[in-house]
Amino acid sequence: MNLLRVNAEKEGDYGKAKLMRNKFEEFSRAEQQRQEQNMRLAQEKELLNIENGQKIQFKEFSDAWDKYMRDYEITAFELIEQLKMKQDQER
């Protein structure tokens, strides 16, 4: 497109050269918009992947914490029961 514009200028056909320049600029803007959109889509996809990874990590942590607390409560209850039995035996 740019070569056509240069040739038109050399031939003195400035109307055609201006048309070619305008077309080239239009294509350049369209290409820039396409690249920006592709970059934006790639960034959004990456952000979603990160968010999904964080959700998975949070779920894993939450599940592990819940298990830890269940085990802790069971152990605490068992120890309390043992202490009660020991106290009863000592009386």
PDB file of N, CA and C in Angstrom:
ATOM      1  N   MET A   1       0.843  -1.187   0.000  1.00  0.00           N
ATOM      2  CA  MET A   1       0.000   0.000   0.000  1.00  0.00           C
ATOM      3  C   MET A   1       0.886   1.248   0.000  1.00  0.00           C
ATOM      4  N   ASN A   2       1.926   1.199   0.838  1.00  0.00           N
ATOM      5  CA  ASN A   2       2.815   2.356   0.927  1.00  0.00           C
ATOM      6  C   ASN A   2       3.605   2.527  -0.370  1.00  0.00           C
ATOM      7  N   LEU A   3       3.968   1.422  -1.001  1.00  0.00           N
ATOM      8  CA  LEU A   3       4.694   1.472  -2.274  1.00  0.00           C
ATOM      9  C   LEU A   3       3.811   2.087  -3.361  1.00  0.00           C
ATOM     10  N   LEU A   4       2.517   1.744  -3.347  1.00  0.00           N
ATOM     11  CA  LEU A   4       1.584   2.330  -4.317  1.00  0.00           C
ATOM     12  C   LEU A   4       1.494   3.850  -4.137  1.00  0.00           C
ATOM     13  N   ARG A   5       1.497   4.286  -2.878  1.00  0.00           N
ATOM     14  CA  ARG A   5       1.442   5.725  -2.600  1.00  0.00           C
ATOM     15  C   ARG A   5       2.685   6.424  -3.137  1.00  0.00           C
ATOM     16  N   VAL A   6       3.851   5.835  -2.905  1.00  0.00           N
ATOM     17  CA  VAL A   6       5.109   6.428  -3.365  1.00  0.00           C
ATOM     18  C   VAL A   6       5.122   6.498  -4.888  1.00  0.00           C
ATOM     19  N   ASN A   7       4.683   5.429  -5.540  1.00  0.00           N
ATOM     20  CA  ASN A   7       4.644   5.419  -7.012  1.00  0.00           C
ATOM     21  C   ASN A   7       3.675   6.480  -7.537  1.00  0.00           C
ATOM     22  N   ALA A   8       2.521   6.620  -6.880  1.00  0.00           N
ATOM     23  CA  ALA A   8       1.537   7.615  -7.307  1.00  0.00           C
ATOM     24  C   ALA A   8       2.113   9.028  -7.154  1.00  0.00           C
ATOM     25  N   GLU A   9       2.866   9.260  -6.081  1.00  0.00           N
ATOM     26  CA  GLU A   9       3.495  10.581  -5.884  1.00  0.00           C
ATOM     27  C   GLU A   9       4.533  10.842  -6.966  1.00  0.00           C
ATOM     28  N   LYS A  10       5.307   9.809  -7.303  1.00  0.00           N
ATOM     29  CA  LYS A  10       6.326   9.962  -8.348  1.00  0.00           C
ATOM     30  C   LYS A  10       5.685  10.298  -9.690  1.00  0.00           C
ATOM     31  N   GLU A  11       4.515   9.710  -9.924  1.00  0.00           N
ATOM     32  CA  GLU A  11       3.811   9.930 -11.184  1.00  0.00           C
ATOM     33  C   GLU A  11       3.029  11.248 -11.160  1.00  0.00           C
ATOM     34  N   GLY A  12       2.981  11.892  -9.989  1.00  0.00           N
ATOM     35  CA  GLY A  12       2.267  13.164  -9.873  1.00  0.00           C
ATOM     36  C   GLY A  12       0.777  13.005  -9.621  1.00  0.00           C
ATOM     37  N   ASP A  13       0.328  11.793  -9.361  1.00  0.00           N
ATOM     38  CA  ASP A  13      -1.094  11.543  -9.084  1.00  0.00           C
ATOM     39  C   ASP A  13      -1.322  11.674  -7.568  1.00  0.00           C
ATOM     40  N   TYR A  14      -1.371  12.922  -7.130  1.00  0.00           N
ATOM     41  CA  TYR A  14      -1.447  13.192  -5.685  1.00  0.00           C
ATOM     42  C   TYR A  14      -2.796  12.799  -5.069  1.00  0.00           C
ATOM     43  N   GLY A  15      -3.824  12.821  -5.874  1.00  0.00           N
ATOM     44  CA  GLY A  15      -5.130  12.372  -5.378  1.00  0.00           C
ATOM     45  C   GLY A  15      -5.090  10.894  -5.028  1.00  0.00           C
ATOM     46  N   LYS A  16      -4.509  10.104  -5.929  1.00  0.00           N
ATOM     47  CA  LYS A  16      -4.364   8.670  -5.667  1.00  0.00           C
ATOM     48  C   LYS A  16      -3.400   8.437  -4.500  1.00  0.00           C
ATOM     49  N   ALA A  17      -2.342   9.226  -4.410  1.00  0.00           N
ATOM     50  CA  ALA A  17      -1.370   9.088  -3.319  1.00  0.00           C
ATOM     51  C   ALA A  17      -2.042   9.385  -1.984  1.00  0.00           C
ATOM     52  N   LYS A  18      -2.892  10.425  -1.965  1.00  0.00           N
ATOM     53  CA  LYS A  18      -3.600  10.768  -0.727  1.00  0.00           C
ATOM     54  C   LYS A  18      -4.556   9.637  -0.342  1.00  0.00           C
ATOM     55  N   LEU A  19      -5.248   9.089  -1.324  1.00  0.00           N
ATOM     56  CA  LEU A  19      -6.160   7.972  -1.073  1.00  0.00           C
ATOM     57  C   LEU A  19      -5.393   6.777  -0.498  1.00  0.00           C
ATOM     58  N   MET A  20      -4.230   6.475  -1.082  1.00  0.00           N
ATOM     59  CA  MET A  20      -3.406   5.360  -0.600  1.00  0.00           C
ATOM     60  C   MET A  20      -2.911   5.630   0.829  1.00  0.00           C
ATOM     61  N   ARG A  21      -2.500   6.873   1.116  1.00  0.00           N
ATOM     62  CA  ARG A  21      -2.052   7.225   2.457  1.00  0.00           C
ATOM     63  C   ARG A  21      -3.189   7.041   3.458  1.00  0.00           C
ATOM     64  N   ASN A  22      -4.391   7.501   3.072  1.00  0.00           N
ATOM     65  CA  ASN A  22      -5.552   7.351   3.962  1.00  0.00           C
ATOM     66  C   ASN A  22      -5.881   5.877   4.207  1.00  0.00           C
ATOM     67  N   LYS A  23      -5.813   5.064   3.142  1.00  0.00           N
ATOM     68  CA  LYS A  23      -6.070   3.631   3.280  1.00  0.00           C
ATOM     69  C   LYS A  23      -5.019   2.990   4.185  1.00  0.00           C
ATOM     70  N   PHE A  24      -3.747   3.378   3.985  1.00  0.00           N
ATOM     71  CA  PHE A  24      -2.675   2.837   4.802  1.00  0.00           C
ATOM     72  C   PHE A  24      -2.889   3.190   6.273  1.00  0.00           C
ATOM     73  N   GLU A  25      -3.256   4.427   6.543  1.00  0.00           N
ATOM     74  CA  GLU A  25      -3.513   4.857   7.926  1.00  0.00           C
ATOM     75  C   GLU A  25      -4.714   4.115   8.505  1.00  0.00           C
ATOM     76  N   GLU A  26      -5.730   3.913   7.678  1.00  0.00           N
ATOM     77  CA  GLU A  26      -6.917   3.175   8.136  1.00  0.00           C
ATOM     78  C   GLU A  26      -6.549   1.739   8.502  1.00  0.00           C
ATOM     79  N   PHE A  27      -5.766   1.096   7.627  1.00  0.00           N
ATOM     80  CA  PHE A  27      -5.330  -0.269   7.913  1.00  0.00           C
ATOM     81  C   PHE A  27      -4.432  -0.310   9.148  1.00  0.00           C
ATOM     82  N   SER A  28      -3.577   0.695   9.296  1.00  0.00           N
ATOM     83  CA  SER A  28      -2.690   0.752  10.466  1.00  0.00           C
ATOM     84  C   SER A  28      -3.494   0.879  11.756  1.00  0.00           C
ATOM     85  N   ARG A  29      -4.508   1.745  11.744  1.00  0.00           N
ATOM     86  CA  ARG A  29      -5.363   1.902  12.930  1.00  0.00           C
ATOM     87  C   ARG A  29      -6.114   0.603  13.235  1.00  0.00           C
ATOM     88  N   ALA A  30      -6.621  -0.026  12.183  1.00  0.00           N
ATOM     89  CA  ALA A  30      -7.358  -1.280  12.372  1.00  0.00           C
ATOM     90  C   ALA A  30      -6.434  -2.353  12.952  1.00  0.00           C
ATOM     91  N   GLU A  31      -5.212  -2.422  12.451  1.00  0.00           N
ATOM     92  CA  GLU A  31      -4.249  -3.407  12.956  1.00  0.00           C
ATOM     93  C   GLU A  31      -3.885  -3.099  14.411  1.00  0.00           C
ATOM     94  N   GLN A  32      -3.694  -1.847  14.731  1.00  0.00           N
ATOM     95  CA  GLN A  32      -3.374  -1.464  16.106  1.00  0.00           C
ATOM     96  C   GLN A  32      -4.529  -1.835  17.043  1.00  0.00           C
ATOM     97  N   GLN A  33      -5.755  -1.577  16.604  1.00  0.00           N
ATOM     98  CA  GLN A  33      -6.921  -1.942  17.414  1.00  0.00           C
ATOM     99  C   GLN A  33      -7.015  -3.451  17.590  1.00  0.00           C
ATOM    100  N   ARG A  34      -6.730  -4.186  16.541  1.00  0.00           N
ATOM    101  CA  ARG A  34      -6.757  -5.645  16.614  1.00  0.00           C
ATOM    102  C   ARG A  34      -5.719  -6.141  17.617  1.00  0.00           C
ATOM    103  N   GLN A  35      -4.514  -5.588  17.539  1.00  0.00           N
ATOM    104  CA  GLN A  35      -3.461  -6.006  18.460  1.00  0.00           C
ATOM    105  C   GLN A  35      -3.811  -5.640  19.906  1.00  0.00           C
ATOM    106  N   GLU A  36      -4.379  -4.453  20.104  1.00  0.00           N
ATOM    107  CA  GLU A  36      -4.779  -4.045  21.452  1.00  0.00           C
ATOM    108  C   GLU A  36      -5.868  -4.963  21.996  1.00  0.00           C
ATOM    109  N   GLN A  37      -6.823  -5.317  21.141  1.00  0.00           N
ATOM    110  CA  GLN A  37      -7.893  -6.213  21.561  1.00  0.00           C
ATOM    111  C   GLN A  37      -7.331  -7.591  21.916  1.00  0.00           C
ATOM    112  N   ASN A  38      -6.415  -8.093  21.085  1.00  0.00           N
ATOM    113  CA  ASN A  38      -5.797  -9.391  21.376  1.00  0.00           C
ATOM    114  C   ASN A  38      -5.027  -9.351  22.692  1.00  0.00           C
ATOM    115  N   MET A  39      -4.321  -8.238  22.937  1.00  0.00           N
ATOM    116  CA  MET A  39      -3.582  -8.097  24.187  1.00  0.00           C
ATOM    117  C   MET A  39      -4.541  -8.039  25.374  1.00  0.00           C
ATOM    118  N   ARG A  40      -5.626  -7.292  25.214  1.00  0.00           N
ATOM    119  CA  ARG A  40      -6.624  -7.176  26.276  1.00  0.00           C
ATOM    120  C   ARG A  40      -7.250  -8.548  26.577  1.00  0.00           C
ATOM    121  N   LEU A  41      -7.571  -9.300  25.520  1.00  0.00           N
ATOM    122  CA  LEU A  41      -8.142 -10.639  25.713  1.00  0.00           C
ATOM    123  C   LEU A  41      -7.144 -11.568  26.401  1.00  0.00           C
ATOM    124  N   ALA A  42      -5.872 -11.477  26.008  1.00  0.00           N
ATOM    125  CA  ALA A  42      -4.849 -12.315  26.637  1.00  0.00           C
ATOM    126  C   ALA A  42      -4.696 -11.952  28.117  1.00  0.00           C
ATOM    127  N   GLN A  43      -4.739 -10.658  28.435  1.00  0.00           N
ATOM    128  CA  GLN A  43      -4.633 -10.222  29.825  1.00  0.00           C
ATOM    129  C   GLN A  43      -5.842 -10.677  30.636  1.00  0.00           C
ATOM    130  N   GLU A  44      -7.023 -10.581  30.049  1.00  0.00           N
ATOM    131  CA  GLU A  44      -8.233 -11.039  30.742  1.00  0.00           C
ATOM    132  C   GLU A  44      -8.179 -12.540  30.993  1.00  0.00           C
ATOM    133  N   LYS A  45      -7.699 -13.294  30.013  1.00  0.00           N
ATOM    134  CA  LYS A  45      -7.571 -14.744  30.174  1.00  0.00           C
ATOM    135  C   LYS A  45      -6.571 -15.064  31.283  1.00  0.00           C
ATOM    136  N   GLU A  46      -5.447 -14.350  31.285  1.00  0.00           N
ATOM    137  CA  GLU A  46      -4.441 -14.569  32.327  1.00  0.00           C
ATOM    138  C   GLU A  46      -4.998 -14.230  33.705  1.00  0.00           C
ATOM    139  N   LEU A  47      -5.756 -13.135  33.789  1.00  0.00           N
ATOM    140  CA  LEU A  47      -6.360 -12.741  35.056  1.00  0.00           C
ATOM    141  C   LEU A  47      -7.340 -13.806  35.548  1.00  0.00           C
ATOM    142  N   LEU A  48      -8.150 -14.338  34.639  1.00  0.00           N
ATOM    143  CA  LEU A  48      -9.087 -15.408  35.015  1.00  0.00           C
ATOM    144  C   LEU A  48      -8.344 -16.643  35.513  1.00  0.00           C
ATOM    145  N   ASN A  49      -7.241 -16.983  34.841  1.00  0.00           N
ATOM    146  CA  ASN A  49      -6.448 -18.130  35.277  1.00  0.00           C
ATOM    147  C   ASN A  49      -5.886 -17.904  36.679  1.00  0.00           C
ATOM    148  N   ILE A  50      -5.407 -16.694  36.935  1.00  0.00           N
ATOM    149  CA  ILE A  50      -4.871 -16.365  38.261  1.00  0.00           C
ATOM    150  C   ILE A  50      -5.982 -16.435  39.302  1.00  0.00           C
ATOM    151  N   GLU A  51      -7.125 -15.838  38.989  1.00  0.00           N
ATOM    152  CA  GLU A  51      -8.248 -15.860  39.935  1.00  0.00           C
ATOM    153  C   GLU A  51      -8.697 -17.287  40.228  1.00  0.00           C
ATOM    154  N   ASN A  52      -8.767 -18.118  39.194  1.00  0.00           N
ATOM    155  CA  ASN A  52      -9.157 -19.516  39.393  1.00  0.00           C
ATOM    156  C   ASN A  52      -8.130 -20.248  40.256  1.00  0.00           C
ATOM    157  N   GLY A  53      -6.849 -19.973  40.021  1.00  0.00           N
ATOM    158  CA  GLY A  53      -5.806 -20.576  40.844  1.00  0.00           C
ATOM    159  C   GLY A  53      -5.935 -20.163  42.303  1.00  0.00           C
ATOM    160  N   GLN A  54      -6.229 -18.881  42.520  1.00  0.00           N
ATOM    161  CA  GLN A  54      -6.413 -18.396  43.890  1.00  0.00           C
ATOM    162  C   GLN A  54      -7.630 -19.036  44.551  1.00  0.00           C
ATOM    163  N   LYS A  55      -8.708 -19.201  43.789  1.00  0.00           N
ATOM    164  CA  LYS A  55      -9.902 -19.852  44.337  1.00  0.00           C
ATOM    165  C   LYS A  55      -9.597 -21.287  44.748  1.00  0.00           C
ATOM    166  N   ILE A  56      -8.846 -21.989  43.910  1.00  0.00           N
ATOM    167  CA  ILE A  56      -8.478 -23.371  44.217  1.00  0.00           C
ATOM    168  C   ILE A  56      -7.614 -23.416  45.477  1.00  0.00           C
ATOM    169  N   GLN A  57      -6.623 -22.509  45.546  1.00  0.00           N
ATOM    170  CA  GLN A  57      -5.759 -22.474  46.728  1.00  0.00           C
ATOM    171  C   GLN A  57      -6.564 -22.153  47.983  1.00  0.00           C
ATOM    172  N   PHE A  58      -7.490 -21.214  47.876  1.00  0.00           N
ATOM    173  CA  PHE A  58      -8.301 -20.862  49.039  1.00  0.00           C
ATOM    174  C   PHE A  58      -9.150 -22.053  49.476  1.00  0.00           C
ATOM    175  N   LYS A  59      -9.736 -22.757  48.517  1.00  0.00           N
ATOM    176  CA  LYS A  59     -10.560 -23.929  48.840  1.00  0.00           C
ATOM    177  C   LYS A  59      -9.718 -24.993  49.522  1.00  0.00           C
ATOM    178  N   GLU A  60      -8.516 -25.238  48.986  1.00  0.00           N
ATOM    179  CA  GLU A  60      -7.629 -26.236  49.596  1.00  0.00           C
ATOM    180  C   GLU A  60      -7.264 -25.824  51.019  1.00  0.00           C
ATOM    181  N   PHE A  61      -6.928 -24.535  51.205  1.00  0.00           N
ATOM    182  CA  PHE A  61      -6.589 -24.046  52.540  1.00  0.00           C
ATOM    183  C   PHE A  61      -7.784 -24.172  53.473  1.00  0.00           C
ATOM    184  N   SER A  62      -8.945 -23.764  52.997  1.00  0.00           N
ATOM    185  CA  SER A  62     -10.153 -23.812  53.811  1.00  0.00           C
ATOM    186  C   SER A  62     -10.475 -25.248  54.222  1.00  0.00           C
ATOM    187  N   ASP A  63     -10.358 -26.177  53.287  1.00  0.00           N
ATOM    188  CA  ASP A  63     -10.616 -27.585  53.595  1.00  0.00           C
ATOM    189  C   ASP A  63      -9.609 -28.107  54.621  1.00  0.00           C
ATOM    190  N   ALA A  64      -8.331 -27.756  54.437  1.00  0.00           N
ATOM    191  CA  ALA A  64      -7.294 -28.204  55.376  1.00  0.00           C
ATOM    192  C   ALA A  64      -7.534 -27.600  56.763  1.00  0.00           C
ATOM    193  N   TRP A  65      -7.927 -26.332  56.800  1.00  0.00           N
ATOM    194  CA  TRP A  65      -8.198 -25.673  58.083  1.00  0.00           C
ATOM    195  C   TRP A  65      -9.391 -26.325  58.786  1.00  0.00           C
ATOM    196  N   ASP A  66     -10.442 -26.600  58.027  1.00  0.00           N
ATOM    197  CA  ASP A  66     -11.615 -27.259  58.612  1.00  0.00           C
ATOM    198  C   ASP A  66     -11.246 -28.628  59.181  1.00  0.00           C
ATOM    199  N   LYS A  67     -10.439 -29.391  58.463  1.00  0.00           N
ATOM    200  CA  LYS A  67     -10.009 -30.703  58.946  1.00  0.00           C
ATOM    201  C   LYS A  67      -9.171 -30.532  60.216  1.00  0.00           C
ATOM    202  N   TYR A  68      -8.264 -29.578  60.209  1.00  0.00           N
ATOM    203  CA  TYR A  68      -7.424 -29.328  61.384  1.00  0.00           C
ATOM    204  C   TYR A  68      -8.292 -28.992  62.595  1.00  0.00           C
ATOM    205  N   MET A  69      -9.272 -28.130  62.398  1.00  0.00           N
ATOM    206  CA  MET A  69     -10.135 -27.728  63.514  1.00  0.00           C
ATOM    207  C   MET A  69     -10.993 -28.905  63.997  1.00  0.00           C
ATOM    208  N   ARG A  70     -11.493 -29.737  63.079  1.00  0.00           N
ATOM    209  CA  ARG A  70     -12.255 -30.930  63.495  1.00  0.00           C
ATOM    210  C   ARG A  70     -11.384 -31.846  64.338  1.00  0.00           C
ATOM    211  N   ASP A  71     -10.165 -32.099  63.848  1.00  0.00           N
ATOM    212  CA  ASP A  71      -9.242 -32.969  64.585  1.00  0.00           C
ATOM    213  C   ASP A  71      -8.913 -32.364  65.947  1.00  0.00           C
ATOM    214  N   TYR A  72      -8.702 -31.046  65.980  1.00  0.00           N
ATOM    215  CA  TYR A  72      -8.390 -30.358  67.232  1.00  0.00           C
ATOM    216  C   TYR A  72      -9.544 -30.494  68.229  1.00  0.00           C
ATOM    217  N   GLU A  73     -10.755 -30.265  67.744  1.00  0.00           N
ATOM    218  CA  GLU A  73     -11.924 -30.362  68.621  1.00  0.00           C
ATOM    219  C   GLU A  73     -12.122 -31.785  69.136  1.00  0.00           C
ATOM    220  N   ILE A  74     -11.916 -32.768  68.288  1.00  0.00           N
ATOM    221  CA  ILE A  74     -12.040 -34.169  68.711  1.00  0.00           C
ATOM    222  C   ILE A  74     -11.004 -34.484  69.785  1.00  0.00           C
ATOM    223  N   THR A  75      -9.769 -34.063  69.530  1.00  0.00           N
ATOM    224  CA  THR A  75      -8.699 -34.305  70.494  1.00  0.00           C
ATOM    225  C   THR A  75      -8.989 -33.586  71.811  1.00  0.00           C
ATOM    226  N   ALA A  76      -9.420 -32.349  71.741  1.00  0.00           N
ATOM    227  CA  ALA A  76      -9.735 -31.588  72.948  1.00  0.00           C
ATOM    228  C   ALA A  76     -10.867 -32.273  73.729  1.00  0.00           C
ATOM    229  N   PHE A  77     -11.892 -32.712  73.032  1.00  0.00           N
ATOM    230  CA  PHE A  77     -13.006 -33.394  73.692  1.00  0.00           C
ATOM    231  C   PHE A  77     -12.525 -34.675  74.372  1.00  0.00           C
ATOM    232  N   GLU A  78     -11.685 -35.452  73.672  1.00  0.00           N
ATOM    233  CA  GLU A  78     -11.161 -36.689  74.244  1.00  0.00           C
ATOM    234  C   GLU A  78     -10.327 -36.412  75.491  1.00  0.00           C
ATOM    235  N   LEU A  79      -9.506 -35.361  75.444  1.00  0.00           N
ATOM    236  CA  LEU A  79      -8.677 -35.019  76.606  1.00  0.00           C
ATOM    237  C   LEU A  79      -9.540 -34.584  77.786  1.00  0.00           C
ATOM    238  N   ILE A  80     -10.567 -33.830  77.507  1.00  0.00           N
ATOM    239  CA  ILE A  80     -11.478 -33.406  78.582  1.00  0.00           C
ATOM    240  C   ILE A  80     -12.153 -34.613  79.208  1.00  0.00           C
ATOM    241  N   GLU A  81     -12.593 -35.546  78.373  1.00  0.00           N
ATOM    242  CA  GLU A  81     -13.234 -36.757  78.880  1.00  0.00           C
ATOM    243  C   GLU A  81     -12.253 -37.577  79.726  1.00  0.00           C
ATOM    244  N   GLN A  82     -11.009 -37.665  79.279  1.00  0.00           N
ATOM    245  CA  GLN A  82      -9.996 -38.398  80.043  1.00  0.00           C
ATOM    246  C   GLN A  82      -9.762 -37.738  81.401  1.00  0.00           C
ATOM    247  N   LEU A  83      -9.697 -36.390  81.394  1.00  0.00           N
ATOM    248  CA  LEU A  83      -9.508 -35.676  82.659  1.00  0.00           C
ATOM    249  C   LEU A  83     -10.691 -35.892  83.596  1.00  0.00           C
ATOM    250  N   LYS A  84     -11.891 -35.891  83.070  1.00  0.00           N
ATOM    251  CA  LYS A  84     -13.085 -36.137  83.877  1.00  0.00           C
ATOM    252  C   LYS A  84     -13.030 -37.536  84.504  1.00  0.00           C
ATOM    253  N   MET A  85     -12.651 -38.529  83.678  1.00  0.00           N
ATOM    254  CA  MET A  85     -12.570 -39.898  84.194  1.00  0.00           C
ATOM    255  C   MET A  85     -11.490 -40.000  85.263  1.00  0.00           C
ATOM    256  N   LYS A  86     -10.374 -39.348  85.042  1.00  0.00           N
ATOM    257  CA  LYS A  86      -9.295 -39.373  86.026  1.00  0.00           C
ATOM    258  C   LYS A  86      -9.726 -38.727  87.335  1.00  0.00           C
ATOM    259  N   GLN A  87     -10.438 -37.600  87.220  1.00  0.00           N
ATOM    260  CA  GLN A  87     -10.947 -36.940  88.429  1.00  0.00           C
ATOM    261  C   GLN A  87     -11.940 -37.819  89.164  1.00  0.00           C
ATOM    262  N   ASP A  88     -12.801 -38.470  88.405  1.00  0.00           N
ATOM    263  CA  ASP A  88     -13.780 -39.367  89.024  1.00  0.00           C
ATOM    264  C   ASP A  88     -13.089 -40.520  89.733  1.00  0.00           C
ATOM    265  N   GLN A  89     -12.031 -41.043  89.155  1.00  0.00           N
ATOM    266  CA  GLN A  89     -11.291 -42.145  89.756  1.00  0.00           C
ATOM    267  C   GLN A  89     -10.566 -41.706  91.035  1.00  0.00           C
ATOM    268  N   GLU A  90     -10.126 -40.456  91.055  1.00  0.00           N
ATOM    269  CA  GLU A  90      -9.375 -39.960  92.208  1.00  0.00           C
ATOM    270  C   GLU A  90     -10.283 -39.631  93.384  1.00  0.00           C
ATOM    271  N   ARG A  91     -11.555 -39.524  93.166  1.00  0.00           N
ATOM    272  CA  ARG A  91     -12.483 -39.179  94.262  1.00  0.00           C
ATOM    273  C   ARG A  91     -12.844 -40.330  95.107  1.00  0.00           C
TER     274      ARG A  91
END
